Amino acid sequence: MQFNANMIYKLCRHRVLLPAICVSAIAGGFSSARGALILTISEPGYAPETATDAATPGEVEIFGTYGTFATDIEIGVDNVNSGPASSAYLQMQALDVTNSATSGGPDTLLISLSETTPFTFPGAPSSNLVMTSALGGTITPATAGDLVSFQSFATPQVGSPVTTGLQAYNATTFPGAETVVIPTASATFTRSPSFTLSDTTYLSVAPGEAANLSGTTTVTTPVPEPVSGGLLVGGVLIGLSRRTRRRR
């Protein structure tokens, strides 16, 4: 059985392979990995932490503690290397964080995810595309004033960057679990001829609170307007009416 970089990384992470083997594999076996999917987390007062998908192409993860947070952040996947496809996506599969502080006010965490390899799908060069953005999850226990926001960005190779806009959710429960729902927002842009994707998540929670969130940025071709079907049906009815009159 032949092990690829992704399999070796997972075996090393779960301590199935000896440390010496892992060091050798990482030094010699991961040199061809992409490292184009980038995850950065930051908290005021602490140096940002960054990870890439060099070990597991298409998937990036930061695991452990950071700042005042106990974190288990798994972010990715994207499908930039799986095209052509009917949609392009950048997905935060799981954001699991707990504010481990025991006192004081809320602490904040900014999570940025970006794919630097250009997408060349869906659609064709110069075609119009629609980017949608949505996030959901829970905060337990929630405190009134907890804040979650999510924002998606597309940067065409030619043209100006576009965004779905900053979408925010403020918790209202005190105390108790809170379901976080940020409805879908959208923005249109022209592919011309490729584009990159990124999104940011902002989280502010009180000490002892845990957040479990997931968010997705998706790009698709526009769905035809329903009115088009209505016009078509109307045209058919008019044609039938004319045929009926001729028969009379």
C-alpha atoms as a PDB file:
ATOM      1  CA  MET A   1       0.000   0.000   0.000  1.00  0.00           C
ATOM      2  CA  GLN A   2       1.342   3.393  -0.993  1.00  0.00           C
ATOM      3  CA  PHE A   3       0.869   6.291   1.457  1.00  0.00           C
ATOM      4  CA  ASN A   4       0.274   9.792   0.150  1.00  0.00           C
ATOM      5  CA  ALA A   5       1.030  13.017   2.025  1.00  0.00           C
ATOM      6  CA  ASN A   6      -2.489  13.323   3.367  1.00  0.00           C
ATOM      7  CA  MET A   7      -2.475   9.800   4.818  1.00  0.00           C
ATOM      8  CA  ILE A   8       0.994  10.226   6.350  1.00  0.00           C
ATOM      9  CA  TYR A   9      -0.055  13.500   7.956  1.00  0.00           C
ATOM     10  CA  LYS A  10      -3.127  11.918   9.569  1.00  0.00           C
ATOM     11  CA  LEU A  11      -1.110   8.933  10.837  1.00  0.00           C
ATOM     12  CA  CYS A  12       1.468  11.293  12.347  1.00  0.00           C
ATOM     13  CA  ARG A  13      -1.185  13.489  13.896  1.00  0.00           C
ATOM     14  CA  HIS A  14      -2.785  10.505  15.644  1.00  0.00           C
ATOM     15  CA  ARG A  15       0.663   9.150  16.655  1.00  0.00           C
ATOM     16  CA  VAL A  16       0.356   5.955  14.635  1.00  0.00           C
ATOM     17  CA  LEU A  17       3.797   6.478  13.079  1.00  0.00           C
ATOM     18  CA  LEU A  18       7.020   6.976  15.012  1.00  0.00           C
ATOM     19  CA  PRO A  19       8.175  10.624  15.398  1.00  0.00           C
ATOM     20  CA  ALA A  20      11.350   9.982  13.403  1.00  0.00           C
ATOM     21  CA  ILE A  21       9.320   8.649  10.481  1.00  0.00           C
ATOM     22  CA  CYS A  22       7.024  11.653  10.624  1.00  0.00           C
ATOM     23  CA  VAL A  23       9.903  14.119  10.576  1.00  0.00           C
ATOM     24  CA  SER A  24      11.447  12.356   7.592  1.00  0.00           C
ATOM     25  CA  ALA A  25       8.132  12.192   5.724  1.00  0.00           C
ATOM     26  CA  ILE A  26       7.299  15.822   6.349  1.00  0.00           C
ATOM     27  CA  ALA A  27      10.762  16.945   5.280  1.00  0.00           C
ATOM     28  CA  GLY A  28      10.871  14.867   2.123  1.00  0.00           C
ATOM     29  CA  GLY A  29       7.295  14.007   1.208  1.00  0.00           C
ATOM     30  CA  PHE A  30       5.301  17.180   1.511  1.00  0.00           C
ATOM     31  CA  SER A  31       7.377  19.424  -0.746  1.00  0.00           C
ATOM     32  CA  SER A  32       4.898  19.229  -3.621  1.00  0.00           C
ATOM     33  CA  ALA A  33       1.801  20.145  -1.573  1.00  0.00           C
ATOM     34  CA  ARG A  34      -0.181  23.258  -2.474  1.00  0.00           C
ATOM     35  CA  GLY A  35      -0.355  25.401   0.639  1.00  0.00           C
ATOM     36  CA  ALA A  36      -2.820  27.669  -1.174  1.00  0.00           C
ATOM     37  CA  LEU A  37      -5.773  27.381   1.231  1.00  0.00           C
ATOM     38  CA  ILE A  38      -4.901  29.681   4.133  1.00  0.00           C
ATOM     39  CA  LEU A  39      -6.481  29.954   7.579  1.00  0.00           C
ATOM     40  CA  THR A  40      -5.593  32.741  10.023  1.00  0.00           C
ATOM     41  CA  ILE A  41      -6.982  33.298  13.521  1.00  0.00           C
ATOM     42  CA  SER A  42      -6.286  36.400  15.585  1.00  0.00           C
ATOM     43  CA  GLU A  43      -7.236  37.887  18.949  1.00  0.00           C
ATOM     44  CA  PRO A  44      -6.283  41.355  20.241  1.00  0.00           C
ATOM     45  CA  GLY A  45      -3.119  41.106  22.328  1.00  0.00           C
ATOM     46  CA  TYR A  46      -1.874  37.884  20.686  1.00  0.00           C
ATOM     47  CA  ALA A  47       0.178  37.210  17.561  1.00  0.00           C
ATOM     48  CA  PRO A  48      -1.963  35.800  14.712  1.00  0.00           C
ATOM     49  CA  GLU A  49      -1.687  32.086  13.968  1.00  0.00           C
ATOM     50  CA  THR A  50      -1.721  30.842  10.369  1.00  0.00           C
ATOM     51  CA  ALA A  51      -2.034  27.401   8.803  1.00  0.00           C
ATOM     52  CA  THR A  52      -2.144  26.188   5.202  1.00  0.00           C
ATOM     53  CA  ASP A  53      -3.244  23.023   3.423  1.00  0.00           C
ATOM     54  CA  ALA A  54       0.358  22.028   2.615  1.00  0.00           C
ATOM     55  CA  ALA A  55      -0.045  18.757   4.521  1.00  0.00           C
ATOM     56  CA  THR A  56      -3.617  18.000   3.438  1.00  0.00           C
ATOM     57  CA  PRO A  57      -4.424  19.718   0.111  1.00  0.00           C
ATOM     58  CA  GLY A  58      -7.899  21.181   0.117  1.00  0.00           C
ATOM     59  CA  GLU A  59      -8.237  21.010   3.916  1.00  0.00           C
ATOM     60  CA  VAL A  60      -6.748  23.220   6.609  1.00  0.00           C
ATOM     61  CA  GLU A  61      -6.938  22.933  10.395  1.00  0.00           C
ATOM     62  CA  ILE A  62      -5.809  24.685  13.568  1.00  0.00           C
ATOM     63  CA  PHE A  63      -6.150  22.538  16.667  1.00  0.00           C
ATOM     64  CA  GLY A  64      -5.430  23.406  20.309  1.00  0.00           C
ATOM     65  CA  THR A  65      -5.438  26.538  22.439  1.00  0.00           C
ATOM     66  CA  TYR A  66      -4.975  30.084  21.195  1.00  0.00           C
ATOM     67  CA  GLY A  67      -5.120  33.254  23.251  1.00  0.00           C
ATOM     68  CA  THR A  68      -8.009  33.050  25.699  1.00  0.00           C
ATOM     69  CA  PHE A  69      -9.718  30.367  23.607  1.00  0.00           C
ATOM     70  CA  ALA A  70      -9.576  26.610  23.690  1.00  0.00           C
ATOM     71  CA  THR A  71      -9.958  25.879  20.015  1.00  0.00           C
ATOM     72  CA  ASP A  72     -10.750  22.989  17.743  1.00  0.00           C
ATOM     73  CA  ILE A  73     -11.012  24.699  14.390  1.00  0.00           C
ATOM     74  CA  GLU A  74     -11.373  22.649  11.216  1.00  0.00           C
ATOM     75  CA  ILE A  75     -11.728  24.774   8.111  1.00  0.00           C
ATOM     76  CA  GLY A  76     -11.856  23.722   4.452  1.00  0.00           C
ATOM     77  CA  VAL A  77     -12.826  22.197   2.202  1.00  0.00           C
ATOM     78  CA  ASP A  78     -12.847  23.932  -1.100  1.00  0.00           C
ATOM     79  CA  ASN A  79     -13.149  22.426  -4.566  1.00  0.00           C
ATOM     80  CA  VAL A  80     -10.701  24.587  -6.547  1.00  0.00           C
ATOM     81  CA  ASN A  81      -8.856  21.477  -7.764  1.00  0.00           C
ATOM     82  CA  SER A  82     -11.995  19.427  -8.416  1.00  0.00           C
ATOM     83  CA  GLY A  83     -13.444  21.427 -11.306  1.00  0.00           C
ATOM     84  CA  PRO A  84     -14.960  22.072 -13.639  1.00  0.00           C
ATOM     85  CA  ALA A  85     -18.115  21.964 -11.547  1.00  0.00           C
ATOM     86  CA  SER A  86     -21.503  23.661 -11.403  1.00  0.00           C
ATOM     87  CA  SER A  87     -20.412  25.645  -8.326  1.00  0.00           C
ATOM     88  CA  ALA A  88     -17.281  26.828  -6.535  1.00  0.00           C
ATOM     89  CA  TYR A  89     -17.233  26.811  -2.767  1.00  0.00           C
ATOM     90  CA  LEU A  90     -15.153  27.716   0.252  1.00  0.00           C
ATOM     91  CA  GLN A  91     -16.534  26.015   3.346  1.00  0.00           C
ATOM     92  CA  MET A  92     -15.803  26.400   7.030  1.00  0.00           C
ATOM     93  CA  GLN A  93     -16.814  22.892   7.989  1.00  0.00           C
ATOM     94  CA  ALA A  94     -16.482  23.367  11.754  1.00  0.00           C
ATOM     95  CA  LEU A  95     -15.519  26.209  14.041  1.00  0.00           C
ATOM     96  CA  ASP A  96     -15.559  24.909  17.617  1.00  0.00           C
ATOM     97  CA  VAL A  97     -14.180  27.358  20.187  1.00  0.00           C
ATOM     98  CA  THR A  98     -14.597  27.917  23.922  1.00  0.00           C
ATOM     99  CA  ASN A  99     -13.669  31.089  25.765  1.00  0.00           C
ATOM    100  CA  SER A 100     -11.555  29.552  28.526  1.00  0.00           C
ATOM    101  CA  ALA A 101     -11.257  32.786  30.539  1.00  0.00           C
ATOM    102  CA  THR A 102     -12.798  32.621  33.999  1.00  0.00           C
ATOM    103  CA  SER A 103     -13.593  36.304  34.454  1.00  0.00           C
ATOM    104  CA  GLY A 104     -13.798  39.624  32.652  1.00  0.00           C
ATOM    105  CA  GLY A 105     -15.753  40.783  29.653  1.00  0.00           C
ATOM    106  CA  PRO A 106     -16.227  39.104  26.272  1.00  0.00           C
ATOM    107  CA  ASP A 107     -13.221  38.082  24.188  1.00  0.00           C
ATOM    108  CA  THR A 108     -13.084  38.304  20.413  1.00  0.00           C
ATOM    109  CA  LEU A 109     -11.724  36.021  17.715  1.00  0.00           C
ATOM    110  CA  LEU A 110     -11.313  36.805  14.000  1.00  0.00           C
ATOM    111  CA  ILE A 111     -11.082  33.857  11.615  1.00  0.00           C
ATOM    112  CA  SER A 112     -10.030  34.429   7.990  1.00  0.00           C
ATOM    113  CA  LEU A 113     -10.130  31.740   5.300  1.00  0.00           C
ATOM    114  CA  SER A 114      -8.880  32.281   1.753  1.00  0.00           C
ATOM    115  CA  GLU A 115      -8.098  30.227  -1.346  1.00  0.00           C
ATOM    116  CA  THR A 116      -5.308  31.860  -3.337  1.00  0.00           C
ATOM    117  CA  THR A 117      -5.552  29.489  -6.306  1.00  0.00           C
ATOM    118  CA  PRO A 118      -7.939  31.073  -8.854  1.00  0.00           C
ATOM    119  CA  PHE A 119     -11.237  29.343  -9.620  1.00  0.00           C
ATOM    120  CA  THR A 120     -11.951  28.934 -13.335  1.00  0.00           C
ATOM    121  CA  PHE A 121     -15.470  27.611 -12.878  1.00  0.00           C
ATOM    122  CA  PRO A 122     -18.454  27.754 -12.968  1.00  0.00           C
ATOM    123  CA  GLY A 123     -19.480  29.403 -16.208  1.00  0.00           C
ATOM    124  CA  ALA A 124     -17.236  30.695 -18.968  1.00  0.00           C
ATOM    125  CA  PRO A 125     -14.834  33.660 -19.126  1.00  0.00           C
ATOM    126  CA  SER A 126     -16.698  36.982 -18.807  1.00  0.00           C
ATOM    127  CA  SER A 127     -19.858  35.224 -17.596  1.00  0.00           C
ATOM    128  CA  ASN A 128     -21.947  36.644 -14.750  1.00  0.00           C
ATOM    129  CA  LEU A 129     -21.820  34.744 -11.471  1.00  0.00           C
ATOM    130  CA  VAL A 130     -23.663  34.857  -8.135  1.00  0.00           C
ATOM    131  CA  MET A 131     -21.851  34.548  -4.803  1.00  0.00           C
ATOM    132  CA  THR A 132     -23.915  33.481  -1.788  1.00  0.00           C
ATOM    133  CA  SER A 133     -22.919  33.527   1.869  1.00  0.00           C
ATOM    134  CA  ALA A 134     -24.517  31.940   4.961  1.00  0.00           C
ATOM    135  CA  LEU A 135     -23.550  30.838   8.482  1.00  0.00           C
ATOM    136  CA  GLY A 136     -25.248  28.919  11.297  1.00  0.00           C
ATOM    137  CA  GLY A 137     -24.590  27.110  14.568  1.00  0.00           C
ATOM    138  CA  THR A 138     -24.967  27.528  18.337  1.00  0.00           C
ATOM    139  CA  ILE A 139     -23.561  29.431  21.323  1.00  0.00           C
ATOM    140  CA  THR A 140     -23.827  27.635  24.685  1.00  0.00           C
ATOM    141  CA  PRO A 141     -24.621  29.157  27.130  1.00  0.00           C
ATOM    142  CA  ALA A 142     -25.340  32.416  25.360  1.00  0.00           C
ATOM    143  CA  THR A 143     -25.304  35.864  26.914  1.00  0.00           C
ATOM    144  CA  ALA A 144     -27.232  38.826  25.578  1.00  0.00           C
ATOM    145  CA  GLY A 145     -24.752  40.840  23.539  1.00  0.00           C
ATOM    146  CA  ASP A 146     -22.761  37.911  22.138  1.00  0.00           C
ATOM    147  CA  LEU A 147     -21.923  38.702  18.525  1.00  0.00           C
ATOM    148  CA  VAL A 148     -21.214  36.642  15.409  1.00  0.00           C
ATOM    149  CA  SER A 149     -20.609  38.072  11.946  1.00  0.00           C
ATOM    150  CA  PHE A 150     -19.749  36.541   8.571  1.00  0.00           C
ATOM    151  CA  GLN A 151     -18.670  38.097   5.276  1.00  0.00           C
ATOM    152  CA  SER A 152     -17.719  36.590   1.912  1.00  0.00           C
ATOM    153  CA  PHE A 153     -15.476  38.078  -0.777  1.00  0.00           C
ATOM    154  CA  ALA A 154     -14.776  37.316  -4.450  1.00  0.00           C
ATOM    155  CA  THR A 155     -11.851  38.909  -6.269  1.00  0.00           C
ATOM    156  CA  PRO A 156     -12.046  38.635 -10.080  1.00  0.00           C
ATOM    157  CA  GLN A 157      -8.770  38.492 -11.985  1.00  0.00           C
ATOM    158  CA  VAL A 158     -10.000  41.569 -13.861  1.00  0.00           C
ATOM    159  CA  GLY A 159     -12.227  44.020 -12.032  1.00  0.00           C
ATOM    160  CA  SER A 160     -12.938  45.082  -8.462  1.00  0.00           C
ATOM    161  CA  PRO A 161     -13.512  42.774  -5.468  1.00  0.00           C
ATOM    162  CA  VAL A 162     -17.125  42.188  -4.445  1.00  0.00           C
ATOM    163  CA  THR A 163     -18.654  41.181  -1.120  1.00  0.00           C
ATOM    164  CA  THR A 164     -21.978  39.910   0.163  1.00  0.00           C
ATOM    165  CA  GLY A 165     -21.728  42.548   2.883  1.00  0.00           C
ATOM    166  CA  LEU A 166     -21.211  42.144   6.615  1.00  0.00           C
ATOM    167  CA  GLN A 167     -23.930  39.929   8.128  1.00  0.00           C
ATOM    168  CA  ALA A 168     -24.230  40.059  11.911  1.00  0.00           C
ATOM    169  CA  TYR A 169     -26.095  38.091  14.565  1.00  0.00           C
ATOM    170  CA  ASN A 170     -26.587  39.334  18.138  1.00  0.00           C
ATOM    171  CA  ALA A 171     -27.557  36.856  20.844  1.00  0.00           C
ATOM    172  CA  THR A 172     -30.623  37.752  22.892  1.00  0.00           C
ATOM    173  CA  THR A 173     -30.886  34.821  25.314  1.00  0.00           C
ATOM    174  CA  PHE A 174     -29.782  35.292  28.913  1.00  0.00           C
ATOM    175  CA  PRO A 175     -28.754  32.733  29.942  1.00  0.00           C
ATOM    176  CA  GLY A 176     -29.141  29.619  27.798  1.00  0.00           C
ATOM    177  CA  ALA A 177     -28.275  28.078  24.455  1.00  0.00           C
ATOM    178  CA  GLU A 178     -28.697  30.287  21.405  1.00  0.00           C
ATOM    179  CA  THR A 179     -29.206  29.116  17.828  1.00  0.00           C
ATOM    180  CA  VAL A 180     -27.183  31.286  15.478  1.00  0.00           C
ATOM    181  CA  VAL A 181     -28.655  31.804  12.019  1.00  0.00           C
ATOM    182  CA  ILE A 182     -27.251  34.284   9.511  1.00  0.00           C
ATOM    183  CA  PRO A 183     -29.538  34.189   6.451  1.00  0.00           C
ATOM    184  CA  THR A 184     -28.176  33.809   2.949  1.00  0.00           C
ATOM    185  CA  ALA A 185     -26.904  36.991   1.305  1.00  0.00           C
ATOM    186  CA  SER A 186     -25.748  37.322  -2.299  1.00  0.00           C
ATOM    187  CA  ALA A 187     -23.720  39.484  -4.673  1.00  0.00           C
ATOM    188  CA  THR A 188     -23.095  39.302  -8.436  1.00  0.00           C
ATOM    189  CA  PHE A 189     -19.850  39.717 -10.357  1.00  0.00           C
ATOM    190  CA  THR A 190     -18.178  38.884 -13.672  1.00  0.00           C
ATOM    191  CA  ARG A 191     -15.712  35.990 -13.777  1.00  0.00           C
ATOM    192  CA  SER A 192     -13.326  37.435 -16.381  1.00  0.00           C
ATOM    193  CA  PRO A 193     -11.584  34.971 -16.608  1.00  0.00           C
ATOM    194  CA  SER A 194     -11.029  33.652 -13.047  1.00  0.00           C
ATOM    195  CA  PHE A 195     -11.493  34.673  -9.408  1.00  0.00           C
ATOM    196  CA  THR A 196     -10.377  33.906  -5.857  1.00  0.00           C
ATOM    197  CA  LEU A 197     -12.551  33.459  -2.753  1.00  0.00           C
ATOM    198  CA  SER A 198     -12.230  34.364   0.912  1.00  0.00           C
ATOM    199  CA  ASP A 199     -14.423  34.861   3.961  1.00  0.00           C
ATOM    200  CA  THR A 200     -14.102  36.161   7.508  1.00  0.00           C
ATOM    201  CA  THR A 201     -15.871  35.200  10.722  1.00  0.00           C
ATOM    202  CA  TYR A 202     -15.920  37.447  13.789  1.00  0.00           C
ATOM    203  CA  LEU A 203     -16.880  36.034  17.183  1.00  0.00           C
ATOM    204  CA  SER A 204     -17.339  37.791  20.536  1.00  0.00           C
ATOM    205  CA  VAL A 205     -18.395  35.603  23.489  1.00  0.00           C
ATOM    206  CA  ALA A 206     -18.226  35.853  27.269  1.00  0.00           C
ATOM    207  CA  PRO A 207     -15.964  33.680  29.497  1.00  0.00           C
ATOM    208  CA  GLY A 208     -17.059  30.043  29.705  1.00  0.00           C
ATOM    209  CA  GLU A 209     -19.127  30.151  26.530  1.00  0.00           C
ATOM    210  CA  ALA A 210     -18.701  27.746  23.616  1.00  0.00           C
ATOM    211  CA  ALA A 211     -19.489  28.411  19.953  1.00  0.00           C
ATOM    212  CA  ASN A 212     -20.032  25.758  17.296  1.00  0.00           C
ATOM    213  CA  LEU A 213     -20.396  27.383  13.867  1.00  0.00           C
ATOM    214  CA  SER A 214     -20.118  26.602  10.167  1.00  0.00           C
ATOM    215  CA  GLY A 215     -20.235  28.923   7.181  1.00  0.00           C
ATOM    216  CA  THR A 216     -20.136  28.587   3.416  1.00  0.00           C
ATOM    217  CA  THR A 217     -19.242  30.836   0.487  1.00  0.00           C
ATOM    218  CA  THR A 218     -20.631  29.510  -2.803  1.00  0.00           C
ATOM    219  CA  VAL A 219     -20.439  30.771  -6.384  1.00  0.00           C
ATOM    220  CA  THR A 220     -22.908  29.631  -9.036  1.00  0.00           C
ATOM    221  CA  THR A 221     -24.278  30.766 -12.397  1.00  0.00           C
ATOM    222  CA  PRO A 222     -27.498  32.810 -12.177  1.00  0.00           C
ATOM    223  CA  VAL A 223     -30.803  30.951 -12.168  1.00  0.00           C
ATOM    224  CA  PRO A 224     -33.102  32.116 -15.024  1.00  0.00           C
ATOM    225  CA  GLU A 225     -35.782  34.541 -13.896  1.00  0.00           C
ATOM    226  CA  PRO A 226     -39.196  32.855 -13.322  1.00  0.00           C
ATOM    227  CA  VAL A 227     -40.780  35.568 -15.484  1.00  0.00           C
ATOM    228  CA  SER A 228     -39.083  34.027 -18.512  1.00  0.00           C
ATOM    229  CA  GLY A 229     -41.202  30.925 -18.097  1.00  0.00           C
ATOM    230  CA  GLY A 230     -44.282  33.104 -17.754  1.00  0.00           C
ATOM    231  CA  LEU A 231     -43.483  34.933 -20.983  1.00  0.00           C
ATOM    232  CA  LEU A 232     -42.966  31.622 -22.739  1.00  0.00           C
ATOM    233  CA  VAL A 233     -46.328  30.309 -21.555  1.00  0.00           C
ATOM    234  CA  GLY A 234     -47.952  33.590 -22.545  1.00  0.00           C
ATOM    235  CA  GLY A 235     -46.467  33.307 -26.025  1.00  0.00           C
ATOM    236  CA  VAL A 236     -47.800  29.787 -26.393  1.00  0.00           C
ATOM    237  CA  LEU A 237     -51.294  30.873 -25.331  1.00  0.00           C
ATOM    238  CA  ILE A 238     -51.254  33.764 -27.805  1.00  0.00           C
ATOM    239  CA  GLY A 239     -50.197  31.386 -30.559  1.00  0.00           C
ATOM    240  CA  LEU A 240     -53.016  28.958 -29.700  1.00  0.00           C
ATOM    241  CA  SER A 241     -55.509  31.823 -29.696  1.00  0.00           C
ATOM    242  CA  ARG A 242     -54.434  32.899 -33.177  1.00  0.00           C
ATOM    243  CA  ARG A 243     -54.696  29.342 -34.490  1.00  0.00           C
ATOM    244  CA  THR A 244     -58.231  29.057 -33.042  1.00  0.00           C
ATOM    245  CA  ARG A 245     -59.307  32.281 -34.737  1.00  0.00           C
ATOM    246  CA  ARG A 246     -57.985  31.100 -38.113  1.00  0.00           C
ATOM    247  CA  ARG A 247     -60.011  27.900 -37.844  1.00  0.00           C
ATOM    248  CA  ARG A 248     -63.182  29.964 -37.328  1.00  0.00           C
END
